[in-house]
């Protein structure tokens, strides 16, 4: 709902200060349980960190 409001008000959405302020106001969080398994993962060679991805974005297609 916050993203819908952001888009209506500003024409864009993000998880910045406005989003964070509303999560506090609404006593909610920006994190939720995953509803499906990711199709891809970005794996960082330096630290071994992994980031799930659900779409084949530019970064997934060209990770370097």
C-alpha atoms as a PDB file:
ATOM      1  CA  UNK A   1       0.000   0.000   0.000  1.00  0.00           C
ATOM      2  CA  UNK A   2       2.870   2.362   0.716  1.00  0.00           C
ATOM      3  CA  UNK A   3       4.259   1.830  -2.787  1.00  0.00           C
ATOM      4  CA  UNK A   4       0.858   2.578  -4.303  1.00  0.00           C
ATOM      5  CA  UNK A   5       0.657   5.814  -2.327  1.00  0.00           C
ATOM      6  CA  UNK A   6       4.239   6.761  -3.287  1.00  0.00           C
ATOM      7  CA  UNK A   7       3.503   6.181  -6.951  1.00  0.00           C
ATOM      8  CA  UNK A   8       0.298   8.221  -6.764  1.00  0.00           C
ATOM      9  CA  UNK A   9       2.010  11.110  -4.956  1.00  0.00           C
ATOM     10  CA  UNK A  10       5.469  11.120  -6.547  1.00  0.00           C
ATOM     11  CA  UNK A  11       5.260   8.953  -9.684  1.00  0.00           C
ATOM     12  CA  UNK A  12       7.969   6.658  -8.319  1.00  0.00           C
ATOM     13  CA  UNK A  13       8.536   4.172  -5.495  1.00  0.00           C
ATOM     14  CA  UNK A  14      11.494   3.214  -3.332  1.00  0.00           C
ATOM     15  CA  UNK A  15      12.440   2.061   0.178  1.00  0.00           C
ATOM     16  CA  UNK A  16      13.894   5.430   1.188  1.00  0.00           C
ATOM     17  CA  UNK A  17      12.988   7.869   3.949  1.00  0.00           C
ATOM     18  CA  UNK A  18       9.321   8.243   2.956  1.00  0.00           C
ATOM     19  CA  UNK A  19       8.786   4.491   2.872  1.00  0.00           C
ATOM     20  CA  UNK A  20      10.554   4.006   6.218  1.00  0.00           C
ATOM     21  CA  UNK A  21       8.539   6.798   7.835  1.00  0.00           C
ATOM     22  CA  UNK A  22       5.277   5.141   6.758  1.00  0.00           C
ATOM     23  CA  UNK A  23       6.351   1.688   7.933  1.00  0.00           C
ATOM     24  CA  UNK A  24       6.863   3.203  11.394  1.00  0.00           C
ATOM     25  CA  UNK A  25       3.571   5.134  11.242  1.00  0.00           C
ATOM     26  CA  UNK A  26       1.653   2.013  10.187  1.00  0.00           C
ATOM     27  CA  UNK A  27       3.556  -0.198  12.644  1.00  0.00           C
ATOM     28  CA  UNK A  28       4.684  -2.559   9.906  1.00  0.00           C
ATOM     29  CA  UNK A  29       7.945  -3.609   8.271  1.00  0.00           C
ATOM     30  CA  UNK A  30       9.324  -3.468   4.764  1.00  0.00           C
ATOM     31  CA  UNK A  31      10.317  -7.130   4.969  1.00  0.00           C
ATOM     32  CA  UNK A  32       7.950  -9.972   4.280  1.00  0.00           C
ATOM     33  CA  UNK A  33       8.135 -13.713   3.871  1.00  0.00           C
ATOM     34  CA  UNK A  34       9.029 -14.926   0.410  1.00  0.00           C
ATOM     35  CA  UNK A  35       5.998 -16.258  -1.403  1.00  0.00           C
ATOM     36  CA  UNK A  36       8.007 -18.259  -3.951  1.00  0.00           C
ATOM     37  CA  UNK A  37      11.551 -19.528  -4.411  1.00  0.00           C
ATOM     38  CA  UNK A  38      13.868 -17.277  -6.448  1.00  0.00           C
ATOM     39  CA  UNK A  39      14.857 -18.406  -9.923  1.00  0.00           C
ATOM     40  CA  UNK A  40      18.371 -16.944  -9.683  1.00  0.00           C
ATOM     41  CA  UNK A  41      20.879 -15.835  -7.072  1.00  0.00           C
ATOM     42  CA  UNK A  42      23.664 -13.315  -7.331  1.00  0.00           C
ATOM     43  CA  UNK A  43      26.706 -14.729  -5.542  1.00  0.00           C
ATOM     44  CA  UNK A  44      29.536 -12.393  -4.571  1.00  0.00           C
ATOM     45  CA  UNK A  45      32.970 -13.947  -4.975  1.00  0.00           C
ATOM     46  CA  UNK A  46      34.613 -11.581  -2.462  1.00  0.00           C
ATOM     47  CA  UNK A  47      32.388 -12.323   0.528  1.00  0.00           C
ATOM     48  CA  UNK A  48      30.195 -15.252  -0.546  1.00  0.00           C
ATOM     49  CA  UNK A  49      27.048 -13.169  -0.036  1.00  0.00           C
ATOM     50  CA  UNK A  50      23.941 -14.208  -1.950  1.00  0.00           C
ATOM     51  CA  UNK A  51      21.046 -12.096  -3.160  1.00  0.00           C
ATOM     52  CA  UNK A  52      17.912 -13.818  -4.522  1.00  0.00           C
ATOM     53  CA  UNK A  53      16.459 -12.613  -7.815  1.00  0.00           C
ATOM     54  CA  UNK A  54      13.046 -13.469  -9.214  1.00  0.00           C
ATOM     55  CA  UNK A  55      13.497 -11.952 -12.670  1.00  0.00           C
ATOM     56  CA  UNK A  56      16.280 -12.272 -15.205  1.00  0.00           C
ATOM     57  CA  UNK A  57      17.449  -8.673 -14.874  1.00  0.00           C
ATOM     58  CA  UNK A  58      20.439  -7.056 -16.571  1.00  0.00           C
ATOM     59  CA  UNK A  59      22.540  -7.890 -13.526  1.00  0.00           C
ATOM     60  CA  UNK A  60      21.522 -11.561 -13.654  1.00  0.00           C
ATOM     61  CA  UNK A  61      22.300 -11.737 -17.379  1.00  0.00           C
ATOM     62  CA  UNK A  62      25.620  -9.869 -17.027  1.00  0.00           C
ATOM     63  CA  UNK A  63      26.851 -10.252 -13.446  1.00  0.00           C
ATOM     64  CA  UNK A  64      30.282  -8.758 -14.099  1.00  0.00           C
END
